[in-house]
Structures are given as C-alpha cells and as structure tokens.
Amino acid sequence: GWFSNLDADEHVRFVIRKRPEDSEVTAVISAESSGKLKGGSIRSLGKNKSHAVRCFKCGHYGNHTAAKCRTSLGAEKTCYGCYATDHLITDCA
C-alpha cells in the first residue's frame, strides 16, 4: 500500500523499477534519517491496479497471478494466443 497523506514537512523517496515500456514506483520510503514515515492511512493510490496485473500462466490481465490461476490448472505452460497447453505463443499457428 501507499501512504495517502503525509505530514506537511515529511519528505519521501521513490524506488522506481525501469522497464522498456515505462517506469513503475515499487516503494515509497522516508528521505529522513529515521527512515520512518509518519503519514496517516495506507491505501493504494492511482488507477485501478486490476488491469495492470498479468497472469503469466494464462496470459490474462486481471486480478490474479499464476499462483492463483484457475485457467489450465496443472499446466506448466499455456499459449497466450489460443490458451493451448502444448505450445507457447511463439509457436502458435
């Protein structure tokens, strides 16, 4: 989660993960020597994250990851194009 409100004099640093298509903030940390944030409530900010999560088992964007995927249970690999379990998208016809 993210701190949704900080004290007026509180300074933060962002930990950013750079990806080929964009950058993503992965953590918000205190810039103070104490290392602690004093802000109030903690909750996610920004756009709906359900569209940003991609299951690497079935290839769908949604609200689950491969560990909780119900599509093709037991399959070790799934084609993102046709969802067959005998090949990957690079070999999909």
PDB file of N, CA and C in Angstrom:
ATOM      1  N   GLY A   1       0.808  -1.184   0.000  1.00  0.00           N
ATOM      2  CA  GLY A   1       0.000   0.000   0.000  1.00  0.00           C
ATOM      3  C   GLY A   1       0.850   1.245   0.000  1.00  0.00           C
ATOM      4  N   TRP A   2       0.224   2.360  -0.197  1.00  0.00           N
ATOM      5  CA  TRP A   2       0.913   3.636  -0.253  1.00  0.00           C
ATOM      6  C   TRP A   2       0.372   4.553   0.830  1.00  0.00           C
ATOM      7  N   PHE A   3       1.224   5.458   1.295  1.00  0.00           N
ATOM      8  CA  PHE A   3       0.777   6.464   2.239  1.00  0.00           C
ATOM      9  C   PHE A   3      -0.041   7.483   1.466  1.00  0.00           C
ATOM     10  N   SER A   4      -1.281   7.669   1.858  1.00  0.00           N
ATOM     11  CA  SER A   4      -2.149   8.578   1.122  1.00  0.00           C
ATOM     12  C   SER A   4      -2.063  10.004   1.633  1.00  0.00           C
ATOM     13  N   ASN A   5      -1.605  10.177   2.857  1.00  0.00           N
ATOM     14  CA  ASN A   5      -1.399  11.533   3.346  1.00  0.00           C
ATOM     15  C   ASN A   5      -0.170  11.555   4.243  1.00  0.00           C
ATOM     16  N   LEU A   6       0.678  12.522   4.003  1.00  0.00           N
ATOM     17  CA  LEU A   6       1.922  12.668   4.743  1.00  0.00           C
ATOM     18  C   LEU A   6       1.855  13.941   5.558  1.00  0.00           C
ATOM     19  N   ASP A   7       2.709  14.037   6.570  1.00  0.00           N
ATOM     20  CA  ASP A   7       2.817  15.289   7.304  1.00  0.00           C
ATOM     21  C   ASP A   7       3.370  16.352   6.362  1.00  0.00           C
ATOM     22  N   ALA A   8       3.028  17.616   6.610  1.00  0.00           N
ATOM     23  CA  ALA A   8       3.412  18.707   5.712  1.00  0.00           C
ATOM     24  C   ALA A   8       4.924  18.806   5.505  1.00  0.00           C
ATOM     25  N   ASP A   9       5.713  18.497   6.526  1.00  0.00           N
ATOM     26  CA  ASP A   9       7.172  18.629   6.414  1.00  0.00           C
ATOM     27  C   ASP A   9       7.867  17.304   6.099  1.00  0.00           C
ATOM     28  N   GLU A  10       7.115  16.295   5.768  1.00  0.00           N
ATOM     29  CA  GLU A  10       7.676  14.967   5.530  1.00  0.00           C
ATOM     30  C   GLU A  10       8.152  14.825   4.082  1.00  0.00           C
ATOM     31  N   HIS A  11       9.360  14.297   3.915  1.00  0.00           N
ATOM     32  CA  HIS A  11       9.946  14.105   2.590  1.00  0.00           C
ATOM     33  C   HIS A  11      10.083  12.619   2.311  1.00  0.00           C
ATOM     34  N   VAL A  12       9.820  12.242   1.070  1.00  0.00           N
ATOM     35  CA  VAL A  12       9.887  10.831   0.694  1.00  0.00           C
ATOM     36  C   VAL A  12      10.790  10.644  -0.517  1.00  0.00           C
ATOM     37  N   ARG A  13      11.206   9.396  -0.706  1.00  0.00           N
ATOM     38  CA  ARG A  13      11.933   8.983  -1.904  1.00  0.00           C
ATOM     39  C   ARG A  13      11.132   7.855  -2.531  1.00  0.00           C
ATOM     40  N   PHE A  14      11.203   7.765  -3.826  1.00  0.00           N
ATOM     41  CA  PHE A  14      10.515   6.706  -4.552  1.00  0.00           C
ATOM     42  C   PHE A  14      11.537   5.705  -5.065  1.00  0.00           C
ATOM     43  N   VAL A  15      11.251   4.422  -4.898  1.00  0.00           N
ATOM     44  CA  VAL A  15      12.055   3.370  -5.508  1.00  0.00           C
ATOM     45  C   VAL A  15      11.361   3.055  -6.829  1.00  0.00           C
ATOM     46  N   ILE A  16      12.091   3.217  -7.924  1.00  0.00           N
ATOM     47  CA  ILE A  16      11.496   3.080  -9.251  1.00  0.00           C
ATOM     48  C   ILE A  16      12.128   1.920  -9.994  1.00  0.00           C
ATOM     49  N   ARG A  17      11.285   1.079 -10.588  1.00  0.00           N
ATOM     50  CA  ARG A  17      11.751  -0.021 -11.438  1.00  0.00           C
ATOM     51  C   ARG A  17      11.541   0.421 -12.878  1.00  0.00           C
ATOM     52  N   LYS A  18      12.650   0.476 -13.619  1.00  0.00           N
ATOM     53  CA  LYS A  18      12.564   0.874 -15.026  1.00  0.00           C
ATOM     54  C   LYS A  18      12.318  -0.352 -15.876  1.00  0.00           C
ATOM     55  N   ARG A  19      11.362  -0.209 -16.792  1.00  0.00           N
ATOM     56  CA  ARG A  19      11.035  -1.264 -17.740  1.00  0.00           C
ATOM     57  C   ARG A  19      11.161  -0.673 -19.135  1.00  0.00           C
ATOM     58  N   PRO A  20      11.276  -1.501 -20.159  1.00  0.00           N
ATOM     59  CA  PRO A  20      11.419  -0.959 -21.516  1.00  0.00           C
ATOM     60  C   PRO A  20      10.286  -0.015 -21.919  1.00  0.00           C
ATOM     61  N   GLU A  21       9.060  -0.309 -21.498  1.00  0.00           N
ATOM     62  CA  GLU A  21       7.925   0.498 -21.925  1.00  0.00           C
ATOM     63  C   GLU A  21       7.609   1.669 -20.998  1.00  0.00           C
ATOM     64  N   ASP A  22       8.025   1.593 -19.724  1.00  0.00           N
ATOM     65  CA  ASP A  22       7.742   2.669 -18.785  1.00  0.00           C
ATOM     66  C   ASP A  22       8.506   2.451 -17.490  1.00  0.00           C
ATOM     67  N   SER A  23       8.178   3.213 -16.482  1.00  0.00           N
ATOM     68  CA  SER A  23       8.759   3.058 -15.153  1.00  0.00           C
ATOM     69  C   SER A  23       7.633   2.846 -14.158  1.00  0.00           C
ATOM     70  N   GLU A  24       7.931   2.166 -13.048  1.00  0.00           N
ATOM     71  CA  GLU A  24       6.917   1.859 -12.045  1.00  0.00           C
ATOM     72  C   GLU A  24       7.487   2.131 -10.662  1.00  0.00           C
ATOM     73  N   VAL A  25       6.734   2.843  -9.833  1.00  0.00           N
ATOM     74  CA  VAL A  25       7.137   3.055  -8.449  1.00  0.00           C
ATOM     75  C   VAL A  25       6.849   1.771  -7.689  1.00  0.00           C
ATOM     76  N   THR A  26       7.884   1.197  -7.059  1.00  0.00           N
ATOM     77  CA  THR A  26       7.703  -0.050  -6.328  1.00  0.00           C
ATOM     78  C   THR A  26       7.676   0.162  -4.821  1.00  0.00           C
ATOM     79  N   ALA A  27       8.152   1.324  -4.353  1.00  0.00           N
ATOM     80  CA  ALA A  27       8.136   1.601  -2.918  1.00  0.00           C
ATOM     81  C   ALA A  27       8.243   3.101  -2.683  1.00  0.00           C
ATOM     82  N   VAL A  28       7.662   3.539  -1.582  1.00  0.00           N
ATOM     83  CA  VAL A  28       7.805   4.912  -1.121  1.00  0.00           C
ATOM     84  C   VAL A  28       8.470   4.820   0.237  1.00  0.00           C
ATOM     85  N   ILE A  29       9.635   5.454   0.374  1.00  0.00           N
ATOM     86  CA  ILE A  29      10.376   5.380   1.631  1.00  0.00           C
ATOM     87  C   ILE A  29      10.692   6.779   2.131  1.00  0.00           C
ATOM     88  N   SER A  30      10.970   6.873   3.399  1.00  0.00           N
ATOM     89  CA  SER A  30      11.284   8.156   4.001  1.00  0.00           C
ATOM     90  C   SER A  30      12.650   8.639   3.544  1.00  0.00           C
ATOM     91  N   ALA A  31      12.763   9.936   3.301  1.00  0.00           N
ATOM     92  CA  ALA A  31      14.050  10.542   2.969  1.00  0.00           C
ATOM     93  C   ALA A  31      14.753  11.018   4.235  1.00  0.00           C
ATOM     94  N   GLU A  32      14.102  10.882   5.369  1.00  0.00           N
ATOM     95  CA  GLU A  32      14.661  11.318   6.652  1.00  0.00           C
ATOM     96  C   GLU A  32      15.595  10.259   7.222  1.00  0.00           C
ATOM     97  N   SER A  33      16.489  10.662   8.101  1.00  0.00           N
ATOM     98  CA  SER A  33      17.449   9.725   8.692  1.00  0.00           C
ATOM     99  C   SER A  33      16.771   8.665   9.555  1.00  0.00           C
ATOM    100  N   SER A  34      15.607   8.980  10.118  1.00  0.00           N
ATOM    101  CA  SER A  34      14.896   7.997  10.945  1.00  0.00           C
ATOM    102  C   SER A  34      14.389   6.830  10.105  1.00  0.00           C
ATOM    103  N   GLY A  35      14.132   7.079   8.836  1.00  0.00           N
ATOM    104  CA  GLY A  35      13.655   6.034   7.937  1.00  0.00           C
ATOM    105  C   GLY A  35      12.193   5.677   8.104  1.00  0.00           C
ATOM    106  N   LYS A  36      11.458   6.423   8.931  1.00  0.00           N
ATOM    107  CA  LYS A  36      10.050   6.100   9.170  1.00  0.00           C
ATOM    108  C   LYS A  36       9.147   7.177   8.594  1.00  0.00           C
ATOM    109  N   LEU A  37       8.029   6.742   8.038  1.00  0.00           N
ATOM    110  CA  LEU A  37       7.015   7.669   7.553  1.00  0.00           C
ATOM    111  C   LEU A  37       5.964   7.852   8.637  1.00  0.00           C
ATOM    112  N   LYS A  38       5.496   9.091   8.825  1.00  0.00           N
ATOM    113  CA  LYS A  38       4.522   9.390   9.868  1.00  0.00           C
ATOM    114  C   LYS A  38       3.104   9.503   9.324  1.00  0.00           C
ATOM    115  N   GLY A  39       2.933   9.437   8.041  1.00  0.00           N
ATOM    116  CA  GLY A  39       1.645   9.677   7.390  1.00  0.00           C
ATOM    117  C   GLY A  39       0.500   8.882   7.970  1.00  0.00           C
ATOM    118  N   GLY A  40      -0.697   9.279   7.602  1.00  0.00           N
ATOM    119  CA  GLY A  40      -1.909   8.658   8.117  1.00  0.00           C
ATOM    120  C   GLY A  40      -2.220   7.321   7.491  1.00  0.00           C
ATOM    121  N   SER A  41      -3.359   7.252   6.818  1.00  0.00           N
ATOM    122  CA  SER A  41      -3.828   5.968   6.312  1.00  0.00           C
ATOM    123  C   SER A  41      -2.964   5.455   5.168  1.00  0.00           C
ATOM    124  N   ILE A  42      -2.949   4.145   5.048  1.00  0.00           N
ATOM    125  CA  ILE A  42      -2.212   3.500   3.974  1.00  0.00           C
ATOM    126  C   ILE A  42      -3.235   2.845   3.054  1.00  0.00           C
ATOM    127  N   ARG A  43      -3.168   3.178   1.772  1.00  0.00           N
ATOM    128  CA  ARG A  43      -4.033   2.536   0.792  1.00  0.00           C
ATOM    129  C   ARG A  43      -3.435   2.760  -0.587  1.00  0.00           C
ATOM    130  N   SER A  44      -3.830   1.975  -1.530  1.00  0.00           N
ATOM    131  CA  SER A  44      -3.326   2.122  -2.887  1.00  0.00           C
ATOM    132  C   SER A  44      -3.830   3.417  -3.489  1.00  0.00           C
ATOM    133  N   LEU A  45      -2.981   4.052  -4.275  1.00  0.00           N
ATOM    134  CA  LEU A  45      -3.355   5.263  -4.983  1.00  0.00           C
ATOM    135  C   LEU A  45      -3.288   5.008  -6.476  1.00  0.00           C
ATOM    136  N   GLY A  46      -3.867   5.876  -7.244  1.00  0.00           N
ATOM    137  CA  GLY A  46      -3.734   5.782  -8.690  1.00  0.00           C
ATOM    138  C   GLY A  46      -4.830   4.962  -9.329  1.00  0.00           C
ATOM    139  N   LYS A  47      -4.589   4.607 -10.600  1.00  0.00           N
ATOM    140  CA  LYS A  47      -5.603   3.898 -11.369  1.00  0.00           C
ATOM    141  C   LYS A  47      -5.841   2.496 -10.828  1.00  0.00           C
ATOM    142  N   ASN A  48      -6.904   1.902 -11.243  1.00  0.00           N
ATOM    143  CA  ASN A  48      -7.270   0.553 -10.814  1.00  0.00           C
ATOM    144  C   ASN A  48      -6.166  -0.426 -11.187  1.00  0.00           C
ATOM    145  N   LYS A  49      -5.565  -1.047 -10.200  1.00  0.00           N
ATOM    146  CA  LYS A  49      -4.441  -1.945 -10.443  1.00  0.00           C
ATOM    147  C   LYS A  49      -4.864  -3.279 -11.046  1.00  0.00           C
ATOM    148  N   SER A  50      -6.161  -3.601 -11.062  1.00  0.00           N
ATOM    149  CA  SER A  50      -6.588  -4.896 -11.589  1.00  0.00           C
ATOM    150  C   SER A  50      -6.255  -5.042 -13.065  1.00  0.00           C
ATOM    151  N   HIS A  51      -6.131  -3.938 -13.784  1.00  0.00           N
ATOM    152  CA  HIS A  51      -5.792  -4.011 -15.202  1.00  0.00           C
ATOM    153  C   HIS A  51      -4.295  -4.148 -15.414  1.00  0.00           C
ATOM    154  N   ALA A  52      -3.500  -3.873 -14.389  1.00  0.00           N
ATOM    155  CA  ALA A  52      -2.048  -3.916 -14.527  1.00  0.00           C
ATOM    156  C   ALA A  52      -1.480  -5.288 -14.184  1.00  0.00           C
ATOM    157  N   VAL A  53      -2.261  -6.146 -13.540  1.00  0.00           N
ATOM    158  CA  VAL A  53      -1.772  -7.462 -13.129  1.00  0.00           C
ATOM    159  C   VAL A  53      -1.958  -8.435 -14.277  1.00  0.00           C
ATOM    160  N   ARG A  54      -0.887  -9.134 -14.641  1.00  0.00           N
ATOM    161  CA  ARG A  54      -0.988 -10.129 -15.707  1.00  0.00           C
ATOM    162  C   ARG A  54      -0.588 -11.486 -15.171  1.00  0.00           C
ATOM    163  N   CYS A  55      -1.426 -12.452 -15.415  1.00  0.00           N
ATOM    164  CA  CYS A  55      -1.124 -13.825 -15.033  1.00  0.00           C
ATOM    165  C   CYS A  55      -0.164 -14.399 -16.062  1.00  0.00           C
ATOM    166  N   PHE A  56       0.972 -14.892 -15.609  1.00  0.00           N
ATOM    167  CA  PHE A  56       1.953 -15.452 -16.524  1.00  0.00           C
ATOM    168  C   PHE A  56       1.671 -16.913 -16.850  1.00  0.00           C
ATOM    169  N   LYS A  57       0.581 -17.437 -16.321  1.00  0.00           N
ATOM    170  CA  LYS A  57       0.181 -18.799 -16.663  1.00  0.00           C
ATOM    171  C   LYS A  57      -0.826 -18.790 -17.813  1.00  0.00           C
ATOM    172  N   CYS A  58      -1.853 -17.935 -17.709  1.00  0.00           N
ATOM    173  CA  CYS A  58      -2.881 -17.904 -18.754  1.00  0.00           C
ATOM    174  C   CYS A  58      -2.759 -16.691 -19.667  1.00  0.00           C
ATOM    175  N   GLY A  59      -1.983 -15.695 -19.250  1.00  0.00           N
ATOM    176  CA  GLY A  59      -1.782 -14.516 -20.082  1.00  0.00           C
ATOM    177  C   GLY A  59      -2.843 -13.446 -19.960  1.00  0.00           C
ATOM    178  N   HIS A  60      -3.865 -13.670 -19.161  1.00  0.00           N
ATOM    179  CA  HIS A  60      -4.935 -12.689 -18.998  1.00  0.00           C
ATOM    180  C   HIS A  60      -4.505 -11.563 -18.071  1.00  0.00           C
ATOM    181  N   TYR A  61      -4.995 -10.363 -18.364  1.00  0.00           N
ATOM    182  CA  TYR A  61      -4.855  -9.245 -17.441  1.00  0.00           C
ATOM    183  C   TYR A  61      -6.066  -9.296 -16.530  1.00  0.00           C
ATOM    184  N   GLY A  62      -5.867  -9.114 -15.267  1.00  0.00           N
ATOM    185  CA  GLY A  62      -6.994  -9.183 -14.349  1.00  0.00           C
ATOM    186  C   GLY A  62      -6.546  -9.060 -12.921  1.00  0.00           C
ATOM    187  N   ASN A  63      -7.157  -9.817 -12.052  1.00  0.00           N
ATOM    188  CA  ASN A  63      -6.880  -9.679 -10.628  1.00  0.00           C
ATOM    189  C   ASN A  63      -6.259 -10.932 -10.036  1.00  0.00           C
ATOM    190  N   HIS A  64      -5.572 -11.739 -10.838  1.00  0.00           N
ATOM    191  CA  HIS A  64      -4.914 -12.918 -10.291  1.00  0.00           C
ATOM    192  C   HIS A  64      -3.535 -13.093 -10.920  1.00  0.00           C
ATOM    193  N   THR A  65      -2.720 -13.883 -10.258  1.00  0.00           N
ATOM    194  CA  THR A  65      -1.388 -14.212 -10.752  1.00  0.00           C
ATOM    195  C   THR A  65      -1.329 -15.710 -11.005  1.00  0.00           C
ATOM    196  N   ALA A  66      -0.211 -16.180 -11.535  1.00  0.00           N
ATOM    197  CA  ALA A  66      -0.077 -17.594 -11.896  1.00  0.00           C
ATOM    198  C   ALA A  66      -0.323 -18.520 -10.704  1.00  0.00           C
ATOM    199  N   ALA A  67       0.080 -18.110  -9.523  1.00  0.00           N
ATOM    200  CA  ALA A  67      -0.088 -18.954  -8.339  1.00  0.00           C
ATOM    201  C   ALA A  67      -1.558 -19.227  -8.028  1.00  0.00           C
ATOM    202  N   LYS A  68      -2.451 -18.311  -8.411  1.00  0.00           N
ATOM    203  CA  LYS A  68      -3.879 -18.473  -8.122  1.00  0.00           C
ATOM    204  C   LYS A  68      -4.711 -18.637  -9.390  1.00  0.00           C
ATOM    205  N   CYS A  69      -4.060 -18.981 -10.485  1.00  0.00           N
ATOM    206  CA  CYS A  69      -4.746 -19.106 -11.772  1.00  0.00           C
ATOM    207  C   CYS A  69      -5.626 -20.353 -11.793  1.00  0.00           C
ATOM    208  N   ARG A  70      -6.872 -20.188 -12.226  1.00  0.00           N
ATOM    209  CA  ARG A  70      -7.792 -21.324 -12.336  1.00  0.00           C
ATOM    210  C   ARG A  70      -7.917 -21.800 -13.780  1.00  0.00           C
ATOM    211  N   THR A  71      -7.309 -21.076 -14.704  1.00  0.00           N
ATOM    212  CA  THR A  71      -7.311 -21.470 -16.110  1.00  0.00           C
ATOM    213  C   THR A  71      -6.197 -22.471 -16.328  1.00  0.00           C
ATOM    214  N   SER A  72      -6.488 -23.572 -16.939  1.00  0.00           N
ATOM    215  CA  SER A  72      -5.482 -24.599 -17.240  1.00  0.00           C
ATOM    216  C   SER A  72      -4.733 -25.047 -15.989  1.00  0.00           C
ATOM    217  N   LEU A  73      -5.471 -25.353 -14.936  1.00  0.00           N
ATOM    218  CA  LEU A  73      -4.822 -25.810 -13.711  1.00  0.00           C
ATOM    219  C   LEU A  73      -3.940 -27.005 -13.990  1.00  0.00           C
ATOM    220  N   GLY A  74      -2.757 -26.985 -13.452  1.00  0.00           N
ATOM    221  CA  GLY A  74      -1.820 -28.077 -13.621  1.00  0.00           C
ATOM    222  C   GLY A  74      -0.937 -27.940 -14.844  1.00  0.00           C
ATOM    223  N   ALA A  75      -1.288 -27.073 -15.769  1.00  0.00           N
ATOM    224  CA  ALA A  75      -0.457 -26.888 -16.958  1.00  0.00           C
ATOM    225  C   ALA A  75       0.774 -26.076 -16.593  1.00  0.00           C
ATOM    226  N   GLU A  76       1.923 -26.502 -17.077  1.00  0.00           N
ATOM    227  CA  GLU A  76       3.145 -25.768 -16.782  1.00  0.00           C
ATOM    228  C   GLU A  76       3.333 -24.592 -17.717  1.00  0.00           C
ATOM    229  N   LYS A  77       2.760 -24.668 -18.920  1.00  0.00           N
ATOM    230  CA  LYS A  77       2.861 -23.560 -19.854  1.00  0.00           C
ATOM    231  C   LYS A  77       1.560 -23.467 -20.638  1.00  0.00           C
ATOM    232  N   THR A  78       1.216 -22.259 -21.017  1.00  0.00           N
ATOM    233  CA  THR A  78      -0.009 -22.024 -21.763  1.00  0.00           C
ATOM    234  C   THR A  78       0.264 -20.973 -22.826  1.00  0.00           C
ATOM    235  N   CYS A  79      -0.242 -21.192 -24.018  1.00  0.00           N
ATOM    236  CA  CYS A  79      -0.105 -20.232 -25.110  1.00  0.00           C
ATOM    237  C   CYS A  79      -1.010 -19.036 -24.829  1.00  0.00           C
ATOM    238  N   TYR A  80      -0.471 -17.817 -24.885  1.00  0.00           N
ATOM    239  CA  TYR A  80      -1.275 -16.618 -24.663  1.00  0.00           C
ATOM    240  C   TYR A  80      -2.197 -16.326 -25.840  1.00  0.00           C
ATOM    241  N   GLY A  81      -1.939 -16.931 -26.992  1.00  0.00           N
ATOM    242  CA  GLY A  81      -2.760 -16.690 -28.180  1.00  0.00           C
ATOM    243  C   GLY A  81      -4.026 -17.524 -28.207  1.00  0.00           C
ATOM    244  N   CYS A  82      -3.877 -18.855 -28.017  1.00  0.00           N
ATOM    245  CA  CYS A  82      -5.046 -19.743 -28.112  1.00  0.00           C
ATOM    246  C   CYS A  82      -5.314 -20.501 -26.812  1.00  0.00           C
ATOM    247  N   TYR A  83      -4.457 -20.319 -25.819  1.00  0.00           N
ATOM    248  CA  TYR A  83      -4.587 -20.940 -24.496  1.00  0.00           C
ATOM    249  C   TYR A  83      -4.423 -22.450 -24.501  1.00  0.00           C
ATOM    250  N   ALA A  84      -3.809 -22.989 -25.552  1.00  0.00           N
ATOM    251  CA  ALA A  84      -3.481 -24.417 -25.572  1.00  0.00           C
ATOM    252  C   ALA A  84      -2.286 -24.646 -24.653  1.00  0.00           C
ATOM    253  N   THR A  85      -2.143 -25.868 -24.173  1.00  0.00           N
ATOM    254  CA  THR A  85      -1.057 -26.165 -23.234  1.00  0.00           C
ATOM    255  C   THR A  85       0.096 -26.927 -23.869  1.00  0.00           C
ATOM    256  N   ASP A  86       0.025 -27.171 -25.180  1.00  0.00           N
ATOM    257  CA  ASP A  86       1.096 -27.944 -25.815  1.00  0.00           C
ATOM    258  C   ASP A  86       2.129 -27.084 -26.539  1.00  0.00           C
ATOM    259  N   HIS A  87       1.982 -25.745 -26.475  1.00  0.00           N
ATOM    260  CA  HIS A  87       2.957 -24.859 -27.102  1.00  0.00           C
ATOM    261  C   HIS A  87       2.847 -23.462 -26.493  1.00  0.00           C
ATOM    262  N   LEU A  88       3.810 -22.591 -26.848  1.00  0.00           N
ATOM    263  CA  LEU A  88       3.784 -21.196 -26.421  1.00  0.00           C
ATOM    264  C   LEU A  88       3.406 -20.314 -27.602  1.00  0.00           C
ATOM    265  N   ILE A  89       3.176 -19.024 -27.340  1.00  0.00           N
ATOM    266  CA  ILE A  89       2.700 -18.127 -28.394  1.00  0.00           C
ATOM    267  C   ILE A  89       3.689 -18.014 -29.554  1.00  0.00           C
ATOM    268  N   THR A  90       4.978 -18.196 -29.302  1.00  0.00           N
ATOM    269  CA  THR A  90       5.962 -18.114 -30.386  1.00  0.00           C
ATOM    270  C   THR A  90       5.756 -19.205 -31.428  1.00  0.00           C
ATOM    271  N   ASP A  91       5.127 -20.311 -31.033  1.00  0.00           N
ATOM    272  CA  ASP A  91       4.871 -21.420 -31.949  1.00  0.00           C
ATOM    273  C   ASP A  91       3.400 -21.538 -32.341  1.00  0.00           C
ATOM    274  N   CYS A  92       2.582 -20.553 -31.976  1.00  0.00           N
ATOM    275  CA  CYS A  92       1.145 -20.619 -32.252  1.00  0.00           C
ATOM    276  C   CYS A  92       0.876 -20.348 -33.730  1.00  0.00           C
ATOM    277  N   ALA A  93       0.024 -21.168 -34.323  1.00  0.00           N
ATOM    278  CA  ALA A  93      -0.283 -21.018 -35.764  1.00  0.00           C
ATOM    279  C   ALA A  93      -1.353 -19.988 -35.997  1.00  0.00           C
TER     280      ALA A  93
END
